[in-house]
């Protein structure tokens, strides 16, 4: 999910730039439809961003937002 990658790499709580985040030991996992990214930089707390697929919410009427509707600053090749 492009929005999760944007949130994880660009809007991290430490204000690290994308290159610094890419240097971290990041866990990327898919578990029962949940996609999550997690990192714990040295001497810091754990930061996790998770995404539940829209299919999990098909019982709701307003599901179907596209990545374009959620984009804040466009995209950057190789990241999102």
PDB file of N, CA and C in Angstrom:
ATOM      1  N   UNK A   1       0.830  -1.165   0.000  1.00  0.00           N
ATOM      2  CA  UNK A   1       0.000   0.000   0.000  1.00  0.00           C
ATOM      3  C   UNK A   1       0.887   1.246   0.000  1.00  0.00           C
ATOM      4  N   UNK A   2       0.671   2.090  -0.963  1.00  0.00           N
ATOM      5  CA  UNK A   2       1.486   3.298  -1.109  1.00  0.00           C
ATOM      6  C   UNK A   2       1.371   4.214   0.106  1.00  0.00           C
ATOM      7  N   UNK A   3       0.205   4.323   0.654  1.00  0.00           N
ATOM      8  CA  UNK A   3      -0.008   5.212   1.808  1.00  0.00           C
ATOM      9  C   UNK A   3       0.786   4.729   3.018  1.00  0.00           C
ATOM     10  N   UNK A   4       0.827   3.430   3.238  1.00  0.00           N
ATOM     11  CA  UNK A   4       1.583   2.880   4.372  1.00  0.00           C
ATOM     12  C   UNK A   4       3.074   3.135   4.200  1.00  0.00           C
ATOM     13  N   UNK A   5       3.584   2.963   2.988  1.00  0.00           N
ATOM     14  CA  UNK A   5       5.004   3.223   2.735  1.00  0.00           C
ATOM     15  C   UNK A   5       5.332   4.698   2.943  1.00  0.00           C
ATOM     16  N   UNK A   6       4.454   5.570   2.481  1.00  0.00           N
ATOM     17  CA  UNK A   6       4.646   7.005   2.684  1.00  0.00           C
ATOM     18  C   UNK A   6       4.684   7.326   4.174  1.00  0.00           C
ATOM     19  N   UNK A   7       3.711   6.824   4.894  1.00  0.00           N
ATOM     20  CA  UNK A   7       3.628   7.073   6.336  1.00  0.00           C
ATOM     21  C   UNK A   7       4.867   6.533   7.050  1.00  0.00           C
ATOM     22  N   UNK A   8       5.282   5.335   6.694  1.00  0.00           N
ATOM     23  CA  UNK A   8       6.405   4.690   7.364  1.00  0.00           C
ATOM     24  C   UNK A   8       7.720   5.401   7.086  1.00  0.00           C
ATOM     25  N   UNK A   9       8.018   5.649   5.816  1.00  0.00           N
ATOM     26  CA  UNK A   9       9.325   6.193   5.452  1.00  0.00           C
ATOM     27  C   UNK A   9       9.425   7.716   5.533  1.00  0.00           C
ATOM     28  N   UNK A  10       8.356   8.434   5.233  1.00  0.00           N
ATOM     29  CA  UNK A  10       8.438   9.894   5.178  1.00  0.00           C
ATOM     30  C   UNK A  10       7.938  10.571   6.454  1.00  0.00           C
ATOM     31  N   UNK A  11       6.999   9.971   7.142  1.00  0.00           N
ATOM     32  CA  UNK A  11       6.383  10.605   8.309  1.00  0.00           C
ATOM     33  C   UNK A  11       6.723   9.870   9.610  1.00  0.00           C
ATOM     34  N   UNK A  12       7.917   9.298   9.677  1.00  0.00           N
ATOM     35  CA  UNK A  12       8.325   8.565  10.879  1.00  0.00           C
ATOM     36  C   UNK A  12       8.472   9.537  12.049  1.00  0.00           C
ATOM     37  N   UNK A  13       8.311   9.053  13.280  1.00  0.00           N
ATOM     38  CA  UNK A  13       8.297   9.938  14.447  1.00  0.00           C
ATOM     39  C   UNK A  13       9.642  10.592  14.768  1.00  0.00           C
ATOM     40  N   UNK A  14      10.724  10.126  14.199  1.00  0.00           N
ATOM     41  CA  UNK A  14      12.045  10.688  14.487  1.00  0.00           C
ATOM     42  C   UNK A  14      12.448  11.760  13.476  1.00  0.00           C
ATOM     43  N   UNK A  15      11.691  11.915  12.410  1.00  0.00           N
ATOM     44  CA  UNK A  15      12.025  12.891  11.385  1.00  0.00           C
ATOM     45  C   UNK A  15      13.207  12.472  10.523  1.00  0.00           C
ATOM     46  N   UNK A  16      13.495  11.164  10.489  1.00  0.00           N
ATOM     47  CA  UNK A  16      14.577  10.663   9.643  1.00  0.00           C
ATOM     48  C   UNK A  16      14.171  10.786   8.183  1.00  0.00           C
ATOM     49  N   UNK A  17      15.126  11.057   7.305  1.00  0.00           N
ATOM     50  CA  UNK A  17      14.787  11.099   5.885  1.00  0.00           C
ATOM     51  C   UNK A  17      14.719   9.664   5.345  1.00  0.00           C
ATOM     52  N   UNK A  18      14.234   9.530   4.137  1.00  0.00           N
ATOM     53  CA  UNK A  18      13.999   8.202   3.547  1.00  0.00           C
ATOM     54  C   UNK A  18      15.281   7.376   3.525  1.00  0.00           C
ATOM     55  N   UNK A  19      16.400   7.985   3.149  1.00  0.00           N
ATOM     56  CA  UNK A  19      17.669   7.248   3.078  1.00  0.00           C
ATOM     57  C   UNK A  19      18.063   6.685   4.439  1.00  0.00           C
ATOM     58  N   UNK A  20      17.872   7.474   5.501  1.00  0.00           N
ATOM     59  CA  UNK A  20      18.182   6.998   6.849  1.00  0.00           C
ATOM     60  C   UNK A  20      17.260   5.856   7.260  1.00  0.00           C
ATOM     61  N   UNK A  21      15.994   5.952   6.893  1.00  0.00           N
ATOM     62  CA  UNK A  21      15.045   4.876   7.220  1.00  0.00           C
ATOM     63  C   UNK A  21      15.397   3.599   6.469  1.00  0.00           C
ATOM     64  N   UNK A  22      15.847   3.737   5.221  1.00  0.00           N
ATOM     65  CA  UNK A  22      16.209   2.558   4.439  1.00  0.00           C
ATOM     66  C   UNK A  22      17.424   1.850   5.020  1.00  0.00           C
ATOM     67  N   UNK A  23      18.256   2.551   5.771  1.00  0.00           N
ATOM     68  CA  UNK A  23      19.426   1.957   6.403  1.00  0.00           C
ATOM     69  C   UNK A  23      19.075   1.150   7.649  1.00  0.00           C
ATOM     70  N   UNK A  24      17.886   1.351   8.194  1.00  0.00           N
ATOM     71  CA  UNK A  24      17.470   0.663   9.414  1.00  0.00           C
ATOM     72  C   UNK A  24      17.093  -0.789   9.119  1.00  0.00           C
ATOM     73  N   UNK A  25      17.155  -1.617  10.145  1.00  0.00           N
ATOM     74  CA  UNK A  25      16.740  -3.016  10.039  1.00  0.00           C
ATOM     75  C   UNK A  25      15.217  -3.067  10.139  1.00  0.00           C
ATOM     76  N   UNK A  26      14.553  -3.068   8.998  1.00  0.00           N
ATOM     77  CA  UNK A  26      13.097  -2.996   8.922  1.00  0.00           C
ATOM     78  C   UNK A  26      12.496  -4.379   8.727  1.00  0.00           C
ATOM     79  N   UNK A  27      11.441  -4.662   9.480  1.00  0.00           N
ATOM     80  CA  UNK A  27      10.689  -5.902   9.308  1.00  0.00           C
ATOM     81  C   UNK A  27       9.467  -5.588   8.455  1.00  0.00           C
ATOM     82  N   UNK A  28       9.261  -6.372   7.440  1.00  0.00           N
ATOM     83  CA  UNK A  28       8.099  -6.230   6.573  1.00  0.00           C
ATOM     84  C   UNK A  28       7.404  -7.587   6.567  1.00  0.00           C
ATOM     85  N   UNK A  29       6.143  -7.616   6.951  1.00  0.00           N
ATOM     86  CA  UNK A  29       5.466  -8.892   7.117  1.00  0.00           C
ATOM     87  C   UNK A  29       4.016  -8.820   6.635  1.00  0.00           C
ATOM     88  N   UNK A  30       3.554  -9.924   6.083  1.00  0.00           N
ATOM     89  CA  UNK A  30       2.151 -10.106   5.747  1.00  0.00           C
ATOM     90  C   UNK A  30       1.626 -11.201   6.659  1.00  0.00           C
ATOM     91  N   UNK A  31       0.576 -10.921   7.397  1.00  0.00           N
ATOM     92  CA  UNK A  31       0.042 -11.886   8.351  1.00  0.00           C
ATOM     93  C   UNK A  31      -1.480 -11.831   8.329  1.00  0.00           C
ATOM     94  N   UNK A  32      -2.110 -12.878   7.819  1.00  0.00           N
ATOM     95  CA  UNK A  32      -3.566 -12.972   7.735  1.00  0.00           C
ATOM     96  C   UNK A  32      -4.187 -11.747   7.056  1.00  0.00           C
ATOM     97  N   UNK A  33      -3.581 -11.303   5.963  1.00  0.00           N
ATOM     98  CA  UNK A  33      -4.101 -10.175   5.216  1.00  0.00           C
ATOM     99  C   UNK A  33      -3.596  -8.825   5.689  1.00  0.00           C
ATOM    100  N   UNK A  34      -2.943  -8.783   6.849  1.00  0.00           N
ATOM    101  CA  UNK A  34      -2.395  -7.539   7.369  1.00  0.00           C
ATOM    102  C   UNK A  34      -0.972  -7.369   6.871  1.00  0.00           C
ATOM    103  N   UNK A  35      -0.671  -6.229   6.329  1.00  0.00           N
ATOM    104  CA  UNK A  35       0.686  -5.887   5.894  1.00  0.00           C
ATOM    105  C   UNK A  35       1.216  -4.885   6.895  1.00  0.00           C
ATOM    106  N   UNK A  36       2.365  -5.184   7.486  1.00  0.00           N
ATOM    107  CA  UNK A  36       2.920  -4.190   8.381  1.00  0.00           C
ATOM    108  C   UNK A  36       4.415  -4.045   8.239  1.00  0.00           C
ATOM    109  N   UNK A  37       4.877  -2.854   8.576  1.00  0.00           N
ATOM    110  CA  UNK A  37       6.289  -2.498   8.560  1.00  0.00           C
ATOM    111  C   UNK A  37       6.658  -2.084   9.980  1.00  0.00           C
ATOM    112  N   UNK A  38       7.831  -2.526  10.423  1.00  0.00           N
ATOM    113  CA  UNK A  38       8.242  -2.227  11.788  1.00  0.00           C
ATOM    114  C   UNK A  38       9.742  -1.982  11.846  1.00  0.00           C
ATOM    115  N   UNK A  39      10.145  -1.014  12.653  1.00  0.00           N
ATOM    116  CA  UNK A  39      11.561  -0.693  12.812  1.00  0.00           C
ATOM    117  C   UNK A  39      11.800  -0.247  14.252  1.00  0.00           C
ATOM    118  N   UNK A  40      12.985  -0.575  14.757  1.00  0.00           N
ATOM    119  CA  UNK A  40      13.414  -0.117  16.075  1.00  0.00           C
ATOM    120  C   UNK A  40      14.848   0.385  15.952  1.00  0.00           C
ATOM    121  N   UNK A  41      15.024   1.675  15.660  1.00  0.00           N
ATOM    122  CA  UNK A  41      16.386   2.218  15.574  1.00  0.00           C
ATOM    123  C   UNK A  41      17.114   2.071  16.911  1.00  0.00           C
ATOM    124  N   UNK A  42      18.434   2.080  16.881  1.00  0.00           N
ATOM    125  CA  UNK A  42      19.233   1.976  18.097  1.00  0.00           C
ATOM    126  C   UNK A  42      18.786   3.014  19.119  1.00  0.00           C
ATOM    127  N   UNK A  43      18.699   2.595  20.370  1.00  0.00           N
ATOM    128  CA  UNK A  43      18.339   3.487  21.481  1.00  0.00           C
ATOM    129  C   UNK A  43      17.023   4.225  21.264  1.00  0.00           C
ATOM    130  N   UNK A  44      16.038   3.530  20.670  1.00  0.00           N
ATOM    131  CA  UNK A  44      14.759   4.174  20.410  1.00  0.00           C
ATOM    132  C   UNK A  44      13.619   3.180  20.575  1.00  0.00           C
ATOM    133  N   UNK A  45      12.409   3.682  20.485  1.00  0.00           N
ATOM    134  CA  UNK A  45      11.228   2.830  20.591  1.00  0.00           C
ATOM    135  C   UNK A  45      10.888   2.201  19.242  1.00  0.00           C
ATOM    136  N   UNK A  46       9.999   1.229  19.265  1.00  0.00           N
ATOM    137  CA  UNK A  46       9.564   0.545  18.049  1.00  0.00           C
ATOM    138  C   UNK A  46       8.475   1.361  17.362  1.00  0.00           C
ATOM    139  N   UNK A  47       8.572   1.456  16.043  1.00  0.00           N
ATOM    140  CA  UNK A  47       7.597   2.172  15.214  1.00  0.00           C
ATOM    141  C   UNK A  47       6.992   1.166  14.251  1.00  0.00           C
ATOM    142  N   UNK A  48       5.662   1.093  14.233  1.00  0.00           N
ATOM    143  CA  UNK A  48       4.958   0.139  13.376  1.00  0.00           C
ATOM    144  C   UNK A  48       3.871   0.850  12.587  1.00  0.00           C
ATOM    145  N   UNK A  49       3.776   0.523  11.308  1.00  0.00           N
ATOM    146  CA  UNK A  49       2.681   0.983  10.456  1.00  0.00           C
ATOM    147  C   UNK A  49       2.046  -0.273   9.876  1.00  0.00           C
ATOM    148  N   UNK A  50       0.741  -0.399  10.016  1.00  0.00           N
ATOM    149  CA  UNK A  50       0.038  -1.569   9.507  1.00  0.00           C
ATOM    150  C   UNK A  50      -1.082  -1.193   8.568  1.00  0.00           C
ATOM    151  N   UNK A  51      -1.389  -2.092   7.651  1.00  0.00           N
ATOM    152  CA  UNK A  51      -2.441  -1.874   6.659  1.00  0.00           C
ATOM    153  C   UNK A  51      -3.335  -3.105   6.606  1.00  0.00           C
ATOM    154  N   UNK A  52      -4.611  -2.874   6.758  1.00  0.00           N
ATOM    155  CA  UNK A  52      -5.599  -3.934   6.600  1.00  0.00           C
ATOM    156  C   UNK A  52      -6.224  -3.735   5.223  1.00  0.00           C
ATOM    157  N   UNK A  53      -6.312  -4.798   4.390  1.00  0.00           N
ATOM    158  CA  UNK A  53      -6.872  -4.628   3.046  1.00  0.00           C
ATOM    159  C   UNK A  53      -8.338  -4.201   3.077  1.00  0.00           C
ATOM    160  N   UNK A  54      -8.732  -3.431   2.072  1.00  0.00           N
ATOM    161  CA  UNK A  54     -10.108  -2.948   1.969  1.00  0.00           C
ATOM    162  C   UNK A  54     -11.112  -4.098   1.962  1.00  0.00           C
ATOM    163  N   UNK A  55     -10.712  -5.258   1.474  1.00  0.00           N
ATOM    164  CA  UNK A  55     -11.617  -6.409   1.430  1.00  0.00           C
ATOM    165  C   UNK A  55     -12.108  -6.794   2.829  1.00  0.00           C
ATOM    166  N   UNK A  56     -11.332  -6.470   3.845  1.00  0.00           N
ATOM    167  CA  UNK A  56     -11.739  -6.780   5.214  1.00  0.00           C
ATOM    168  C   UNK A  56     -12.909  -5.919   5.664  1.00  0.00           C
ATOM    169  N   UNK A  57     -13.164  -4.836   4.934  1.00  0.00           N
ATOM    170  CA  UNK A  57     -14.224  -3.900   5.296  1.00  0.00           C
ATOM    171  C   UNK A  57     -15.310  -3.817   4.233  1.00  0.00           C
ATOM    172  N   UNK A  58     -15.458  -4.860   3.433  1.00  0.00           N
ATOM    173  CA  UNK A  58     -16.430  -4.803   2.341  1.00  0.00           C
ATOM    174  C   UNK A  58     -17.867  -4.637   2.834  1.00  0.00           C
ATOM    175  N   UNK A  59     -18.104  -4.875   4.102  1.00  0.00           N
ATOM    176  CA  UNK A  59     -19.438  -4.680   4.667  1.00  0.00           C
ATOM    177  C   UNK A  59     -19.771  -3.197   4.878  1.00  0.00           C
ATOM    178  N   UNK A  60     -18.773  -2.329   4.747  1.00  0.00           N
ATOM    179  CA  UNK A  60     -19.004  -0.889   4.879  1.00  0.00           C
ATOM    180  C   UNK A  60     -19.296  -0.275   3.511  1.00  0.00           C
ATOM    181  N   UNK A  61     -20.168   0.715   3.464  1.00  0.00           N
ATOM    182  CA  UNK A  61     -20.583   1.323   2.203  1.00  0.00           C
ATOM    183  C   UNK A  61     -19.514   2.188   1.551  1.00  0.00           C
ATOM    184  N   UNK A  62     -18.634   2.825   2.325  1.00  0.00           N
ATOM    185  CA  UNK A  62     -17.718   3.815   1.759  1.00  0.00           C
ATOM    186  C   UNK A  62     -16.327   3.268   1.465  1.00  0.00           C
ATOM    187  N   UNK A  63     -16.148   1.975   1.406  1.00  0.00           N
ATOM    188  CA  UNK A  63     -14.844   1.396   1.096  1.00  0.00           C
ATOM    189  C   UNK A  63     -14.575   1.556  -0.389  1.00  0.00           C
ATOM    190  N   UNK A  64     -13.333   1.766  -0.747  1.00  0.00           N
ATOM    191  CA  UNK A  64     -12.986   1.902  -2.145  1.00  0.00           C
ATOM    192  C   UNK A  64     -12.123   3.104  -2.413  1.00  0.00           C
ATOM    193  N   UNK A  65     -11.588   3.736  -1.367  1.00  0.00           N
ATOM    194  CA  UNK A  65     -10.685   4.865  -1.580  1.00  0.00           C
ATOM    195  C   UNK A  65      -9.472   4.398  -2.349  1.00  0.00           C
ATOM    196  N   UNK A  66      -9.106   5.152  -3.346  1.00  0.00           N
ATOM    197  CA  UNK A  66      -7.922   4.810  -4.133  1.00  0.00           C
ATOM    198  C   UNK A  66      -6.696   5.464  -3.516  1.00  0.00           C
ATOM    199  N   UNK A  67      -5.509   4.992  -3.902  1.00  0.00           N
ATOM    200  CA  UNK A  67      -4.264   5.589  -3.422  1.00  0.00           C
ATOM    201  C   UNK A  67      -4.176   7.050  -3.838  1.00  0.00           C
ATOM    202  N   UNK A  68      -4.751   7.405  -5.003  1.00  0.00           N
ATOM    203  CA  UNK A  68      -4.720   8.790  -5.463  1.00  0.00           C
ATOM    204  C   UNK A  68      -5.437   9.718  -4.491  1.00  0.00           C
ATOM    205  N   UNK A  69      -6.541   9.245  -3.926  1.00  0.00           N
ATOM    206  CA  UNK A  69      -7.291  10.069  -2.992  1.00  0.00           C
ATOM    207  C   UNK A  69      -6.535  10.270  -1.688  1.00  0.00           C
ATOM    208  N   UNK A  70      -5.634   9.345  -1.351  1.00  0.00           N
ATOM    209  CA  UNK A  70      -4.927   9.408  -0.088  1.00  0.00           C
ATOM    210  C   UNK A  70      -3.551  10.032  -0.201  1.00  0.00           C
ATOM    211  N   UNK A  71      -3.094  10.278  -1.411  1.00  0.00           N
ATOM    212  CA  UNK A  71      -1.748  10.803  -1.624  1.00  0.00           C
ATOM    213  C   UNK A  71      -1.617  12.212  -1.073  1.00  0.00           C
ATOM    214  N   UNK A  72      -0.476  12.492  -0.418  1.00  0.00           N
ATOM    215  CA  UNK A  72      -0.241  13.831   0.114  1.00  0.00           C
ATOM    216  C   UNK A  72       0.775  14.596  -0.707  1.00  0.00           C
ATOM    217  N   UNK A  73       1.817  13.913  -1.196  1.00  0.00           N
ATOM    218  CA  UNK A  73       2.884  14.614  -1.891  1.00  0.00           C
ATOM    219  C   UNK A  73       3.301  13.932  -3.177  1.00  0.00           C
ATOM    220  N   UNK A  74       2.418  13.206  -3.786  1.00  0.00           N
ATOM    221  CA  UNK A  74       2.793  12.493  -5.005  1.00  0.00           C
ATOM    222  C   UNK A  74       3.549  11.236  -4.681  1.00  0.00           C
ATOM    223  N   UNK A  75       4.404  10.811  -5.603  1.00  0.00           N
ATOM    224  CA  UNK A  75       5.113   9.568  -5.384  1.00  0.00           C
ATOM    225  C   UNK A  75       6.579   9.715  -5.789  1.00  0.00           C
ATOM    226  N   UNK A  76       7.361   8.776  -5.324  1.00  0.00           N
ATOM    227  CA  UNK A  76       8.772   8.739  -5.634  1.00  0.00           C
ATOM    228  C   UNK A  76       9.105   7.331  -6.064  1.00  0.00           C
ATOM    229  N   UNK A  77       9.631   7.115  -7.274  1.00  0.00           N
ATOM    230  CA  UNK A  77       9.915   5.772  -7.752  1.00  0.00           C
ATOM    231  C   UNK A  77      10.812   5.005  -6.787  1.00  0.00           C
ATOM    232  N   UNK A  78      10.478   3.762  -6.568  1.00  0.00           N
ATOM    233  CA  UNK A  78      11.277   2.907  -5.712  1.00  0.00           C
ATOM    234  C   UNK A  78      10.852   2.911  -4.256  1.00  0.00           C
ATOM    235  N   UNK A  79      10.051   3.873  -3.831  1.00  0.00           N
ATOM    236  CA  UNK A  79       9.611   3.930  -2.446  1.00  0.00           C
ATOM    237  C   UNK A  79       8.121   3.637  -2.357  1.00  0.00           C
ATOM    238  N   UNK A  80       7.292   4.288  -3.180  1.00  0.00           N
ATOM    239  CA  UNK A  80       5.855   4.049  -3.166  1.00  0.00           C
ATOM    240  C   UNK A  80       5.278   4.231  -4.516  1.00  0.00           C
TER     241      UNK A  80
END
